[in-house]
Amino acid sequence: MNRLMALLVLALAACSVMDAPVAQLERWQKRHAAGELAAIAAEPVVADCAPGKDAACQRLHLMRADACLGLAFAERAPGAACPGAGAREAGLLSCAASAAQAAEQAAGQILLPARKLRAQARLCAIENLPPAMAGPAAQELLLEAAPLNDAEGALLRGRALLAAARPSAGPEATRCMAARQALGEARRGLALQPENPALQRLADDAALRGARITDCRL
């Protein structure tokens, strides 16, 4: 009898370990519904979620990325496209980017919702960088955002390129090329969403930035 009970206890413990991601997912879904994003952002994904684990792990990492980015954006100044450059905001953006990357690792493939979250988090981090560091970081983001073929992807790439075209971001020829590419992304996005005000603003900003660079023809 004691042996049977011991086997039952071991079996239940094994089930508990196996179901840890599912249990956390159920708990986070309730917290998300209650608007408790801070609780999700503060809690690491269970250790059972190794790369390639299962769909529950993908969703856990994706929920944490979304929570971290949501908290960062909730603290934006009025009218700002991105949160500020404070330590808390930077930490939340880093959390969003790393969690989104973990979601793709768990999926073992490109996961477009995760890629968008990661690109958005990295874009805001780029916009808070000193100009000289923005160019190389923008080029990395362009590669990451390449699979995003919709208007939102064009906006993310265009804004990264606009950051790379800032004054003091590099040689004028390089900045001019970045402004030209930003305008191209804006036009690509507007072809998909002609009434999108963010894409129209990107086009206007890219044209203005190019006009302020010597001999830059867009």
N, C-alpha and C. Protein backbone atom coordinates (compact mmCIF):
# COMPACT_ATOMS: atom_id res chain seq x y z
N MET A 1 0.83 -1.21 0.00
CA MET A 1 0.00 0.00 0.00
C MET A 1 0.87 1.25 0.00
N ASN A 2 1.90 1.26 0.86
CA ASN A 2 2.80 2.40 0.92
C ASN A 2 3.51 2.61 -0.40
N ARG A 3 3.87 1.47 -1.04
CA ARG A 3 4.54 1.57 -2.34
C ARG A 3 3.60 2.20 -3.38
N LEU A 4 2.31 1.80 -3.35
CA LEU A 4 1.33 2.35 -4.29
C LEU A 4 1.14 3.85 -4.09
N MET A 5 1.07 4.26 -2.81
CA MET A 5 0.91 5.69 -2.52
C MET A 5 2.12 6.48 -2.99
N ALA A 6 3.29 5.88 -2.79
CA ALA A 6 4.51 6.56 -3.22
C ALA A 6 4.52 6.75 -4.74
N LEU A 7 4.07 5.71 -5.46
CA LEU A 7 4.01 5.82 -6.92
C LEU A 7 3.01 6.88 -7.35
N LEU A 8 1.87 6.96 -6.65
CA LEU A 8 0.87 7.98 -6.97
C LEU A 8 1.41 9.38 -6.73
N VAL A 9 2.12 9.55 -5.63
CA VAL A 9 2.71 10.86 -5.32
C VAL A 9 3.71 11.25 -6.39
N LEU A 10 4.55 10.28 -6.82
CA LEU A 10 5.52 10.57 -7.86
C LEU A 10 4.84 10.92 -9.18
N ALA A 11 3.76 10.21 -9.49
CA ALA A 11 3.03 10.47 -10.73
C ALA A 11 2.41 11.86 -10.72
N LEU A 12 1.83 12.22 -9.57
CA LEU A 12 1.23 13.55 -9.46
C LEU A 12 2.28 14.64 -9.56
N ALA A 13 3.44 14.40 -8.94
CA ALA A 13 4.53 15.38 -9.00
C ALA A 13 5.01 15.54 -10.44
N ALA A 14 5.10 14.42 -11.17
CA ALA A 14 5.52 14.50 -12.56
C ALA A 14 4.53 15.29 -13.39
N CYS A 15 3.25 15.06 -13.17
CA CYS A 15 2.22 15.81 -13.90
C CYS A 15 2.31 17.28 -13.60
N SER A 16 2.57 17.60 -12.32
CA SER A 16 2.67 18.99 -11.91
C SER A 16 3.82 19.69 -12.63
N VAL A 17 4.97 18.96 -12.72
CA VAL A 17 6.12 19.54 -13.41
C VAL A 17 5.82 19.72 -14.89
N MET A 18 5.21 18.68 -15.49
CA MET A 18 4.91 18.73 -16.92
C MET A 18 3.93 19.85 -17.24
N ASP A 19 3.02 20.13 -16.32
CA ASP A 19 1.98 21.11 -16.58
C ASP A 19 2.32 22.51 -16.09
N ALA A 20 3.54 22.72 -15.63
CA ALA A 20 3.91 24.03 -15.09
C ALA A 20 3.68 25.17 -16.08
N PRO A 21 4.07 25.04 -17.35
CA PRO A 21 3.78 26.13 -18.30
C PRO A 21 2.29 26.39 -18.48
N VAL A 22 1.50 25.32 -18.54
CA VAL A 22 0.06 25.47 -18.69
C VAL A 22 -0.54 26.17 -17.48
N ALA A 23 -0.09 25.78 -16.28
CA ALA A 23 -0.59 26.40 -15.06
C ALA A 23 -0.25 27.89 -15.02
N GLN A 24 0.98 28.23 -15.42
CA GLN A 24 1.36 29.65 -15.45
C GLN A 24 0.56 30.41 -16.50
N LEU A 25 0.34 29.79 -17.63
CA LEU A 25 -0.43 30.43 -18.69
C LEU A 25 -1.85 30.73 -18.22
N GLU A 26 -2.47 29.79 -17.54
CA GLU A 26 -3.83 30.02 -17.03
C GLU A 26 -3.84 31.16 -16.03
N ARG A 27 -2.82 31.20 -15.16
CA ARG A 27 -2.74 32.27 -14.16
C ARG A 27 -2.53 33.62 -14.83
N TRP A 28 -1.68 33.68 -15.84
CA TRP A 28 -1.40 34.94 -16.53
C TRP A 28 -2.60 35.41 -17.35
N GLN A 29 -3.34 34.48 -17.91
CA GLN A 29 -4.54 34.88 -18.65
C GLN A 29 -5.53 35.60 -17.75
N LYS A 30 -5.66 35.12 -16.52
CA LYS A 30 -6.54 35.78 -15.56
C LYS A 30 -5.99 37.15 -15.18
N ARG A 31 -4.69 37.24 -14.99
CA ARG A 31 -4.08 38.53 -14.64
C ARG A 31 -4.20 39.52 -15.80
N HIS A 32 -4.03 39.02 -17.02
CA HIS A 32 -4.14 39.90 -18.18
C HIS A 32 -5.56 40.45 -18.30
N ALA A 33 -6.54 39.57 -18.08
CA ALA A 33 -7.93 40.00 -18.13
C ALA A 33 -8.24 41.04 -17.06
N ALA A 34 -7.52 40.96 -15.93
CA ALA A 34 -7.72 41.91 -14.84
C ALA A 34 -6.86 43.16 -15.00
N GLY A 35 -6.07 43.22 -16.09
CA GLY A 35 -5.22 44.37 -16.32
C GLY A 35 -3.97 44.41 -15.47
N GLU A 36 -3.56 43.27 -14.93
CA GLU A 36 -2.39 43.21 -14.04
C GLU A 36 -1.12 42.95 -14.84
N LEU A 37 -0.78 43.89 -15.71
CA LEU A 37 0.39 43.73 -16.57
C LEU A 37 1.69 43.72 -15.77
N ALA A 38 1.74 44.51 -14.71
CA ALA A 38 2.97 44.59 -13.91
C ALA A 38 3.29 43.25 -13.28
N ALA A 39 2.27 42.51 -12.86
CA ALA A 39 2.50 41.19 -12.26
C ALA A 39 3.07 40.22 -13.28
N ILE A 40 2.59 40.29 -14.52
CA ILE A 40 3.10 39.42 -15.58
C ILE A 40 4.54 39.80 -15.92
N ALA A 41 4.80 41.09 -16.05
CA ALA A 41 6.15 41.54 -16.40
C ALA A 41 7.18 41.18 -15.34
N ALA A 42 6.75 41.17 -14.09
CA ALA A 42 7.69 40.92 -12.98
C ALA A 42 7.98 39.45 -12.75
N GLU A 43 7.16 38.56 -13.31
CA GLU A 43 7.30 37.12 -13.04
C GLU A 43 8.01 36.44 -14.20
N PRO A 44 9.15 35.80 -13.97
CA PRO A 44 9.82 35.10 -15.06
C PRO A 44 8.99 33.92 -15.57
N VAL A 45 9.17 33.58 -16.82
CA VAL A 45 8.53 32.38 -17.37
C VAL A 45 9.14 31.16 -16.70
N VAL A 46 8.32 30.16 -16.41
CA VAL A 46 8.79 28.98 -15.68
C VAL A 46 9.99 28.34 -16.37
N ALA A 47 10.87 27.76 -15.57
CA ALA A 47 12.11 27.19 -16.09
C ALA A 47 11.87 26.02 -17.03
N ASP A 48 10.69 25.41 -16.96
CA ASP A 48 10.36 24.31 -17.87
C ASP A 48 10.34 24.75 -19.32
N CYS A 49 10.20 26.03 -19.55
CA CYS A 49 10.08 26.54 -20.92
C CYS A 49 11.45 26.69 -21.57
N ALA A 50 12.05 25.59 -21.93
CA ALA A 50 13.28 25.62 -22.70
C ALA A 50 12.94 25.88 -24.16
N PRO A 51 13.93 26.35 -24.97
CA PRO A 51 13.66 26.61 -26.39
C PRO A 51 13.05 25.38 -27.08
N GLY A 52 12.02 25.62 -27.88
CA GLY A 52 11.36 24.54 -28.60
C GLY A 52 10.42 23.70 -27.78
N LYS A 53 10.06 24.19 -26.58
CA LYS A 53 9.28 23.37 -25.65
C LYS A 53 7.88 23.06 -26.19
N ASP A 54 7.00 24.05 -26.23
CA ASP A 54 5.65 23.81 -26.73
C ASP A 54 4.91 25.13 -26.92
N ALA A 55 3.66 25.01 -27.36
CA ALA A 55 2.87 26.21 -27.66
C ALA A 55 2.61 27.05 -26.42
N ALA A 56 2.43 26.42 -25.27
CA ALA A 56 2.18 27.18 -24.04
C ALA A 56 3.36 28.11 -23.74
N CYS A 57 4.56 27.62 -23.98
CA CYS A 57 5.75 28.44 -23.71
C CYS A 57 5.83 29.62 -24.67
N GLN A 58 5.47 29.39 -25.93
CA GLN A 58 5.45 30.49 -26.89
C GLN A 58 4.50 31.59 -26.39
N ARG A 59 3.33 31.19 -25.96
CA ARG A 59 2.32 32.15 -25.52
C ARG A 59 2.76 32.87 -24.24
N LEU A 60 3.44 32.16 -23.35
CA LEU A 60 3.93 32.79 -22.12
C LEU A 60 4.92 33.90 -22.44
N HIS A 61 5.91 33.59 -23.27
CA HIS A 61 6.91 34.60 -23.62
C HIS A 61 6.27 35.76 -24.36
N LEU A 62 5.31 35.46 -25.23
CA LEU A 62 4.63 36.51 -25.99
C LEU A 62 3.81 37.41 -25.05
N MET A 63 3.14 36.82 -24.06
CA MET A 63 2.36 37.61 -23.10
C MET A 63 3.27 38.51 -22.28
N ARG A 64 4.45 37.99 -21.90
CA ARG A 64 5.37 38.80 -21.10
C ARG A 64 5.93 39.95 -21.94
N ALA A 65 6.25 39.67 -23.20
CA ALA A 65 6.72 40.73 -24.08
C ALA A 65 5.67 41.83 -24.22
N ASP A 66 4.44 41.43 -24.42
CA ASP A 66 3.34 42.38 -24.58
C ASP A 66 3.12 43.18 -23.30
N ALA A 67 3.23 42.52 -22.15
CA ALA A 67 3.05 43.21 -20.87
C ALA A 67 4.15 44.25 -20.65
N CYS A 68 5.40 43.86 -20.92
CA CYS A 68 6.52 44.79 -20.71
C CYS A 68 6.41 45.99 -21.64
N LEU A 69 6.06 45.73 -22.90
CA LEU A 69 5.94 46.84 -23.85
C LEU A 69 4.76 47.73 -23.49
N GLY A 70 3.66 47.10 -23.07
CA GLY A 70 2.49 47.88 -22.67
C GLY A 70 2.79 48.79 -21.49
N LEU A 71 3.53 48.30 -20.51
CA LEU A 71 3.89 49.12 -19.36
C LEU A 71 4.81 50.27 -19.77
N ALA A 72 5.76 49.98 -20.66
CA ALA A 72 6.67 51.03 -21.12
C ALA A 72 5.91 52.13 -21.85
N PHE A 73 4.97 51.75 -22.72
CA PHE A 73 4.22 52.73 -23.49
C PHE A 73 3.23 53.50 -22.62
N ALA A 74 2.79 52.88 -21.54
CA ALA A 74 1.86 53.57 -20.65
C ALA A 74 2.51 54.77 -19.98
N GLU A 75 3.83 54.81 -19.96
CA GLU A 75 4.55 55.88 -19.29
C GLU A 75 5.09 56.92 -20.27
N ARG A 76 4.63 56.88 -21.52
CA ARG A 76 5.07 57.88 -22.49
C ARG A 76 4.59 59.28 -22.13
N ALA A 77 5.35 60.26 -22.52
CA ALA A 77 4.89 61.65 -22.39
C ALA A 77 3.77 61.88 -23.40
N PRO A 78 2.88 62.82 -23.14
CA PRO A 78 1.78 63.10 -24.08
C PRO A 78 2.30 63.42 -25.49
N GLY A 79 1.80 62.70 -26.46
CA GLY A 79 2.20 62.94 -27.85
C GLY A 79 3.48 62.25 -28.28
N ALA A 80 4.17 61.59 -27.34
CA ALA A 80 5.44 60.93 -27.68
C ALA A 80 5.18 59.58 -28.34
N ALA A 81 6.03 59.24 -29.31
CA ALA A 81 5.89 57.95 -30.00
C ALA A 81 6.49 56.82 -29.18
N CYS A 82 7.45 57.14 -28.33
CA CYS A 82 8.14 56.12 -27.53
C CYS A 82 8.28 56.60 -26.08
N PRO A 83 8.50 55.68 -25.16
CA PRO A 83 8.77 56.09 -23.77
C PRO A 83 10.10 56.79 -23.66
N GLY A 84 10.35 57.38 -22.52
CA GLY A 84 11.60 58.11 -22.30
C GLY A 84 12.80 57.20 -22.16
N ALA A 85 13.93 57.80 -21.82
CA ALA A 85 15.20 57.07 -21.76
C ALA A 85 15.60 56.72 -20.34
N GLY A 86 14.65 56.76 -19.39
CA GLY A 86 14.97 56.42 -18.01
C GLY A 86 15.27 54.94 -17.83
N ALA A 87 15.82 54.62 -16.67
CA ALA A 87 16.22 53.24 -16.40
C ALA A 87 15.02 52.30 -16.41
N ARG A 88 13.90 52.73 -15.85
CA ARG A 88 12.71 51.87 -15.82
C ARG A 88 12.21 51.58 -17.24
N GLU A 89 12.11 52.64 -18.05
CA GLU A 89 11.63 52.46 -19.41
C GLU A 89 12.58 51.57 -20.21
N ALA A 90 13.89 51.81 -20.04
CA ALA A 90 14.87 51.00 -20.76
C ALA A 90 14.78 49.53 -20.34
N GLY A 91 14.55 49.29 -19.06
CA GLY A 91 14.40 47.93 -18.57
C GLY A 91 13.19 47.24 -19.14
N LEU A 92 12.09 47.97 -19.25
CA LEU A 92 10.86 47.39 -19.81
C LEU A 92 11.02 47.10 -21.30
N LEU A 93 11.68 47.99 -22.03
CA LEU A 93 11.92 47.75 -23.45
C LEU A 93 12.82 46.54 -23.65
N SER A 94 13.84 46.41 -22.79
CA SER A 94 14.73 45.25 -22.87
C SER A 94 13.97 43.96 -22.56
N CYS A 95 13.09 44.01 -21.56
CA CYS A 95 12.25 42.87 -21.21
C CYS A 95 11.39 42.46 -22.40
N ALA A 96 10.77 43.44 -23.06
CA ALA A 96 9.90 43.14 -24.20
C ALA A 96 10.68 42.51 -25.34
N ALA A 97 11.87 43.05 -25.63
CA ALA A 97 12.66 42.51 -26.74
C ALA A 97 13.14 41.10 -26.46
N SER A 98 13.63 40.85 -25.24
CA SER A 98 14.16 39.52 -24.91
C SER A 98 13.04 38.49 -24.81
N ALA A 99 11.89 38.88 -24.29
CA ALA A 99 10.76 37.95 -24.19
C ALA A 99 10.22 37.60 -25.58
N ALA A 100 10.17 38.58 -26.46
CA ALA A 100 9.72 38.32 -27.83
C ALA A 100 10.69 37.39 -28.55
N GLN A 101 11.97 37.58 -28.31
CA GLN A 101 12.97 36.69 -28.91
C GLN A 101 12.81 35.27 -28.36
N ALA A 102 12.55 35.15 -27.07
CA ALA A 102 12.34 33.83 -26.46
C ALA A 102 11.10 33.15 -27.04
N ALA A 103 10.06 33.93 -27.38
CA ALA A 103 8.86 33.36 -27.98
C ALA A 103 9.19 32.74 -29.33
N GLU A 104 10.04 33.42 -30.11
CA GLU A 104 10.43 32.86 -31.40
C GLU A 104 11.33 31.64 -31.24
N GLN A 105 12.17 31.65 -30.22
CA GLN A 105 13.01 30.49 -29.96
C GLN A 105 12.15 29.29 -29.56
N ALA A 106 11.11 29.56 -28.77
CA ALA A 106 10.20 28.48 -28.37
C ALA A 106 9.44 27.93 -29.57
N ALA A 107 9.13 28.82 -30.52
CA ALA A 107 8.41 28.38 -31.71
C ALA A 107 9.33 27.67 -32.70
N GLY A 108 10.62 28.02 -32.65
CA GLY A 108 11.56 27.43 -33.60
C GLY A 108 11.40 27.99 -35.00
N GLN A 109 10.76 29.14 -35.13
CA GLN A 109 10.53 29.75 -36.43
C GLN A 109 10.16 31.22 -36.24
N ILE A 110 10.04 31.94 -37.35
CA ILE A 110 9.60 33.34 -37.26
C ILE A 110 8.16 33.38 -36.77
N LEU A 111 7.96 34.14 -35.71
CA LEU A 111 6.63 34.29 -35.12
C LEU A 111 6.28 35.77 -35.27
N LEU A 112 5.46 36.11 -36.25
CA LEU A 112 5.26 37.51 -36.62
C LEU A 112 4.80 38.40 -35.47
N PRO A 113 3.85 37.97 -34.61
CA PRO A 113 3.49 38.85 -33.49
C PRO A 113 4.68 39.13 -32.57
N ALA A 114 5.50 38.12 -32.34
CA ALA A 114 6.69 38.31 -31.50
C ALA A 114 7.69 39.21 -32.20
N ARG A 115 7.86 39.04 -33.51
CA ARG A 115 8.81 39.86 -34.25
C ARG A 115 8.40 41.32 -34.23
N LYS A 116 7.08 41.59 -34.32
CA LYS A 116 6.60 42.97 -34.25
C LYS A 116 6.87 43.59 -32.89
N LEU A 117 6.60 42.83 -31.83
CA LEU A 117 6.85 43.33 -30.48
C LEU A 117 8.33 43.63 -30.28
N ARG A 118 9.17 42.72 -30.74
CA ARG A 118 10.61 42.90 -30.58
C ARG A 118 11.09 44.11 -31.37
N ALA A 119 10.61 44.25 -32.62
CA ALA A 119 11.02 45.37 -33.45
C ALA A 119 10.58 46.69 -32.84
N GLN A 120 9.36 46.74 -32.29
CA GLN A 120 8.87 47.97 -31.67
C GLN A 120 9.70 48.34 -30.45
N ALA A 121 10.02 47.34 -29.63
CA ALA A 121 10.83 47.60 -28.43
C ALA A 121 12.22 48.08 -28.81
N ARG A 122 12.82 47.45 -29.80
CA ARG A 122 14.16 47.84 -30.22
C ARG A 122 14.16 49.21 -30.89
N LEU A 123 13.09 49.50 -31.64
CA LEU A 123 12.99 50.81 -32.27
C LEU A 123 13.01 51.92 -31.23
N CYS A 124 12.22 51.76 -30.18
CA CYS A 124 12.18 52.79 -29.14
C CYS A 124 13.52 52.90 -28.43
N ALA A 125 14.21 51.78 -28.26
CA ALA A 125 15.54 51.83 -27.68
C ALA A 125 16.50 52.59 -28.59
N ILE A 126 16.38 52.38 -29.91
CA ILE A 126 17.23 53.08 -30.88
C ILE A 126 16.97 54.58 -30.84
N GLU A 127 15.71 54.97 -30.74
CA GLU A 127 15.39 56.39 -30.74
C GLU A 127 15.91 57.11 -29.50
N ASN A 128 16.25 56.34 -28.47
CA ASN A 128 16.82 56.93 -27.25
C ASN A 128 18.34 56.86 -27.23
N LEU A 129 18.94 56.28 -28.28
CA LEU A 129 20.40 56.18 -28.35
C LEU A 129 21.01 57.50 -28.80
N PRO A 130 22.28 57.74 -28.46
CA PRO A 130 22.98 58.88 -29.05
C PRO A 130 23.03 58.72 -30.57
N PRO A 131 23.01 59.81 -31.34
CA PRO A 131 22.95 59.72 -32.79
C PRO A 131 24.00 58.81 -33.42
N ALA A 132 25.23 58.85 -32.91
CA ALA A 132 26.31 58.06 -33.52
C ALA A 132 26.08 56.56 -33.39
N MET A 133 25.27 56.14 -32.42
CA MET A 133 25.00 54.72 -32.22
C MET A 133 23.73 54.26 -32.94
N ALA A 134 22.95 55.23 -33.42
CA ALA A 134 21.65 54.89 -34.00
C ALA A 134 21.77 54.16 -35.33
N GLY A 135 22.77 54.56 -36.16
CA GLY A 135 22.91 53.97 -37.48
C GLY A 135 23.13 52.46 -37.46
N PRO A 136 24.17 51.98 -36.76
CA PRO A 136 24.40 50.53 -36.71
C PRO A 136 23.23 49.77 -36.09
N ALA A 137 22.61 50.33 -35.05
CA ALA A 137 21.48 49.66 -34.42
C ALA A 137 20.29 49.60 -35.38
N ALA A 138 20.10 50.66 -36.19
CA ALA A 138 19.01 50.67 -37.15
C ALA A 138 19.20 49.60 -38.21
N GLN A 139 20.43 49.39 -38.64
CA GLN A 139 20.69 48.36 -39.65
C GLN A 139 20.34 46.97 -39.11
N GLU A 140 20.62 46.72 -37.85
CA GLU A 140 20.25 45.44 -37.23
C GLU A 140 18.72 45.29 -37.20
N LEU A 141 18.05 46.38 -36.87
CA LEU A 141 16.59 46.32 -36.81
C LEU A 141 15.98 46.07 -38.19
N LEU A 142 16.58 46.63 -39.23
CA LEU A 142 16.07 46.42 -40.58
C LEU A 142 16.07 44.93 -40.93
N LEU A 143 17.11 44.22 -40.53
CA LEU A 143 17.18 42.78 -40.80
C LEU A 143 16.10 42.04 -40.01
N GLU A 144 15.92 42.44 -38.76
CA GLU A 144 14.93 41.77 -37.92
C GLU A 144 13.51 42.02 -38.43
N ALA A 145 13.26 43.23 -38.93
CA ALA A 145 11.91 43.60 -39.35
C ALA A 145 11.64 43.24 -40.81
N ALA A 146 12.60 42.66 -41.50
CA ALA A 146 12.43 42.33 -42.92
C ALA A 146 11.22 41.42 -43.18
N PRO A 147 10.91 40.43 -42.31
CA PRO A 147 9.75 39.57 -42.60
C PRO A 147 8.39 40.26 -42.43
N LEU A 148 8.37 41.46 -41.87
CA LEU A 148 7.10 42.15 -41.63
C LEU A 148 6.68 42.89 -42.89
N ASN A 149 5.80 42.29 -43.65
CA ASN A 149 5.45 42.82 -44.97
C ASN A 149 4.23 43.74 -44.97
N ASP A 150 3.67 44.03 -43.81
CA ASP A 150 2.49 44.88 -43.78
C ASP A 150 2.88 46.34 -43.55
N ALA A 151 1.87 47.19 -43.42
CA ALA A 151 2.12 48.62 -43.23
C ALA A 151 2.85 48.90 -41.92
N GLU A 152 2.55 48.12 -40.89
CA GLU A 152 3.21 48.33 -39.61
C GLU A 152 4.70 48.03 -39.72
N GLY A 153 5.05 46.99 -40.47
CA GLY A 153 6.46 46.68 -40.68
C GLY A 153 7.17 47.80 -41.41
N ALA A 154 6.52 48.37 -42.42
CA ALA A 154 7.11 49.50 -43.15
C ALA A 154 7.33 50.68 -42.22
N LEU A 155 6.38 50.93 -41.33
CA LEU A 155 6.50 52.04 -40.38
C LEU A 155 7.68 51.81 -39.43
N LEU A 156 7.82 50.60 -38.92
CA LEU A 156 8.92 50.30 -38.00
C LEU A 156 10.27 50.48 -38.69
N ARG A 157 10.40 49.95 -39.89
CA ARG A 157 11.67 50.09 -40.61
C ARG A 157 11.94 51.56 -40.96
N GLY A 158 10.89 52.26 -41.39
CA GLY A 158 11.07 53.66 -41.76
C GLY A 158 11.50 54.52 -40.58
N ARG A 159 10.92 54.27 -39.43
CA ARG A 159 11.30 55.06 -38.25
C ARG A 159 12.72 54.75 -37.81
N ALA A 160 13.14 53.50 -37.96
CA ALA A 160 14.53 53.16 -37.64
C ALA A 160 15.49 53.88 -38.58
N LEU A 161 15.14 53.90 -39.86
CA LEU A 161 15.97 54.60 -40.84
C LEU A 161 15.99 56.10 -40.57
N LEU A 162 14.87 56.64 -40.14
CA LEU A 162 14.81 58.06 -39.82
C LEU A 162 15.75 58.39 -38.66
N ALA A 163 15.82 57.48 -37.69
CA ALA A 163 16.76 57.68 -36.57
C ALA A 163 18.20 57.65 -37.06
N ALA A 164 18.47 56.80 -38.07
CA ALA A 164 19.83 56.71 -38.62
C ALA A 164 20.19 57.93 -39.47
N ALA A 165 19.18 58.73 -39.84
CA ALA A 165 19.42 59.93 -40.65
C ALA A 165 19.53 61.19 -39.79
N ARG A 166 19.52 61.05 -38.48
CA ARG A 166 19.60 62.21 -37.61
C ARG A 166 20.93 62.94 -37.76
N PRO A 167 20.96 64.24 -37.48
CA PRO A 167 22.25 64.96 -37.46
C PRO A 167 23.24 64.28 -36.52
N SER A 168 24.48 64.20 -36.94
CA SER A 168 25.57 63.59 -36.17
C SER A 168 25.48 62.07 -36.13
N ALA A 169 24.58 61.47 -36.93
CA ALA A 169 24.47 60.01 -36.94
C ALA A 169 25.50 59.36 -37.85
N GLY A 170 26.22 60.17 -38.65
CA GLY A 170 27.21 59.61 -39.56
C GLY A 170 27.49 60.57 -40.69
N PRO A 171 28.24 60.12 -41.70
CA PRO A 171 28.52 60.96 -42.86
C PRO A 171 27.23 61.38 -43.56
N GLU A 172 27.25 62.53 -44.21
CA GLU A 172 26.05 63.04 -44.84
C GLU A 172 25.51 62.10 -45.92
N ALA A 173 26.41 61.46 -46.67
CA ALA A 173 25.96 60.54 -47.71
C ALA A 173 25.20 59.36 -47.11
N THR A 174 25.68 58.88 -45.98
CA THR A 174 25.02 57.76 -45.30
C THR A 174 23.67 58.19 -44.74
N ARG A 175 23.64 59.39 -44.17
CA ARG A 175 22.39 59.91 -43.63
C ARG A 175 21.38 60.16 -44.74
N CYS A 176 21.85 60.64 -45.87
CA CYS A 176 20.96 60.88 -47.01
C CYS A 176 20.35 59.57 -47.48
N MET A 177 21.17 58.52 -47.57
CA MET A 177 20.66 57.22 -47.98
C MET A 177 19.60 56.72 -47.00
N ALA A 178 19.85 56.92 -45.70
CA ALA A 178 18.88 56.49 -44.69
C ALA A 178 17.56 57.26 -44.84
N ALA A 179 17.65 58.56 -45.08
CA ALA A 179 16.44 59.36 -45.27
C ALA A 179 15.69 58.92 -46.52
N ARG A 180 16.43 58.61 -47.59
CA ARG A 180 15.80 58.14 -48.83
C ARG A 180 15.08 56.81 -48.60
N GLN A 181 15.74 55.91 -47.87
CA GLN A 181 15.13 54.61 -47.60
C GLN A 181 13.92 54.75 -46.67
N ALA A 182 14.00 55.69 -45.72
CA ALA A 182 12.86 55.93 -44.82
C ALA A 182 11.66 56.40 -45.62
N LEU A 183 11.89 57.29 -46.59
CA LEU A 183 10.81 57.77 -47.44
C LEU A 183 10.23 56.62 -48.27
N GLY A 184 11.11 55.74 -48.74
CA GLY A 184 10.65 54.58 -49.49
C GLY A 184 9.77 53.67 -48.66
N GLU A 185 10.14 53.46 -47.41
CA GLU A 185 9.31 52.63 -46.53
C GLU A 185 7.98 53.31 -46.25
N ALA A 186 7.99 54.61 -46.08
CA ALA A 186 6.74 55.34 -45.85
C ALA A 186 5.81 55.18 -47.05
N ARG A 187 6.36 55.30 -48.25
CA ARG A 187 5.54 55.16 -49.46
C ARG A 187 5.02 53.73 -49.60
N ARG A 188 5.85 52.77 -49.25
CA ARG A 188 5.43 51.37 -49.30
C ARG A 188 4.26 51.13 -48.35
N GLY A 189 4.37 51.68 -47.15
CA GLY A 189 3.29 51.54 -46.18
C GLY A 189 2.02 52.25 -46.60
N LEU A 190 2.19 53.46 -47.18
CA LEU A 190 1.02 54.23 -47.60
C LEU A 190 0.30 53.57 -48.77
N ALA A 191 1.02 52.78 -49.57
CA ALA A 191 0.37 52.05 -50.65
C ALA A 191 -0.59 51.00 -50.08
N LEU A 192 -0.29 50.53 -48.86
CA LEU A 192 -1.14 49.55 -48.20
C LEU A 192 -2.22 50.21 -47.35
N GLN A 193 -1.85 51.35 -46.72
CA GLN A 193 -2.80 52.07 -45.86
C GLN A 193 -2.71 53.57 -46.17
N PRO A 194 -3.38 54.02 -47.21
CA PRO A 194 -3.23 55.41 -47.66
C PRO A 194 -3.61 56.46 -46.62
N GLU A 195 -4.47 56.11 -45.69
CA GLU A 195 -4.94 57.10 -44.72
C GLU A 195 -4.22 57.02 -43.38
N ASN A 196 -3.14 56.25 -43.31
CA ASN A 196 -2.44 56.06 -42.03
C ASN A 196 -1.67 57.33 -41.67
N PRO A 197 -2.05 58.04 -40.59
CA PRO A 197 -1.39 59.31 -40.27
C PRO A 197 0.07 59.12 -39.84
N ALA A 198 0.38 58.00 -39.20
CA ALA A 198 1.77 57.77 -38.76
C ALA A 198 2.68 57.59 -39.97
N LEU A 199 2.21 56.91 -41.00
CA LEU A 199 3.01 56.73 -42.21
C LEU A 199 3.14 58.04 -42.97
N GLN A 200 2.09 58.85 -43.00
CA GLN A 200 2.18 60.16 -43.65
C GLN A 200 3.17 61.05 -42.93
N ARG A 201 3.14 61.00 -41.60
CA ARG A 201 4.09 61.79 -40.81
C ARG A 201 5.52 61.31 -41.06
N LEU A 202 5.70 59.99 -41.18
CA LEU A 202 7.02 59.44 -41.50
C LEU A 202 7.51 59.98 -42.85
N ALA A 203 6.63 59.99 -43.85
CA ALA A 203 7.01 60.50 -45.17
C ALA A 203 7.41 61.97 -45.09
N ASP A 204 6.65 62.76 -44.35
CA ASP A 204 6.96 64.19 -44.22
C ASP A 204 8.28 64.39 -43.49
N ASP A 205 8.49 63.62 -42.40
CA ASP A 205 9.72 63.76 -41.62
C ASP A 205 10.94 63.33 -42.43
N ALA A 206 10.79 62.26 -43.21
CA ALA A 206 11.91 61.78 -44.03
C ALA A 206 12.28 62.82 -45.10
N ALA A 207 11.25 63.40 -45.73
CA ALA A 207 11.50 64.43 -46.74
C ALA A 207 12.18 65.65 -46.12
N LEU A 208 11.72 66.05 -44.95
CA LEU A 208 12.31 67.20 -44.27
C LEU A 208 13.74 66.92 -43.85
N ARG A 209 13.98 65.72 -43.33
CA ARG A 209 15.34 65.37 -42.90
C ARG A 209 16.28 65.34 -44.10
N GLY A 210 15.81 64.79 -45.22
CA GLY A 210 16.65 64.77 -46.41
C GLY A 210 16.94 66.17 -46.93
N ALA A 211 15.96 67.06 -46.85
CA ALA A 211 16.14 68.43 -47.33
C ALA A 211 17.17 69.20 -46.53
N ARG A 212 17.41 68.76 -45.31
CA ARG A 212 18.37 69.45 -44.44
C ARG A 212 19.78 68.89 -44.56
N ILE A 213 19.95 67.90 -45.43
CA ILE A 213 21.28 67.32 -45.67
C ILE A 213 21.80 67.85 -46.99
N THR A 214 23.01 68.35 -46.99
CA THR A 214 23.60 68.98 -48.19
C THR A 214 23.60 68.03 -49.38
N ASP A 215 23.09 68.51 -50.49
CA ASP A 215 23.09 67.77 -51.77
C ASP A 215 22.36 66.44 -51.67
N CYS A 216 21.40 66.33 -50.81
CA CYS A 216 20.62 65.08 -50.66
C CYS A 216 19.36 65.20 -51.49
N ARG A 217 19.22 64.35 -52.48
CA ARG A 217 18.06 64.36 -53.35
C ARG A 217 17.25 63.10 -53.11
N LEU A 218 16.01 63.28 -52.70
CA LEU A 218 15.13 62.15 -52.43
C LEU A 218 14.27 61.82 -53.64
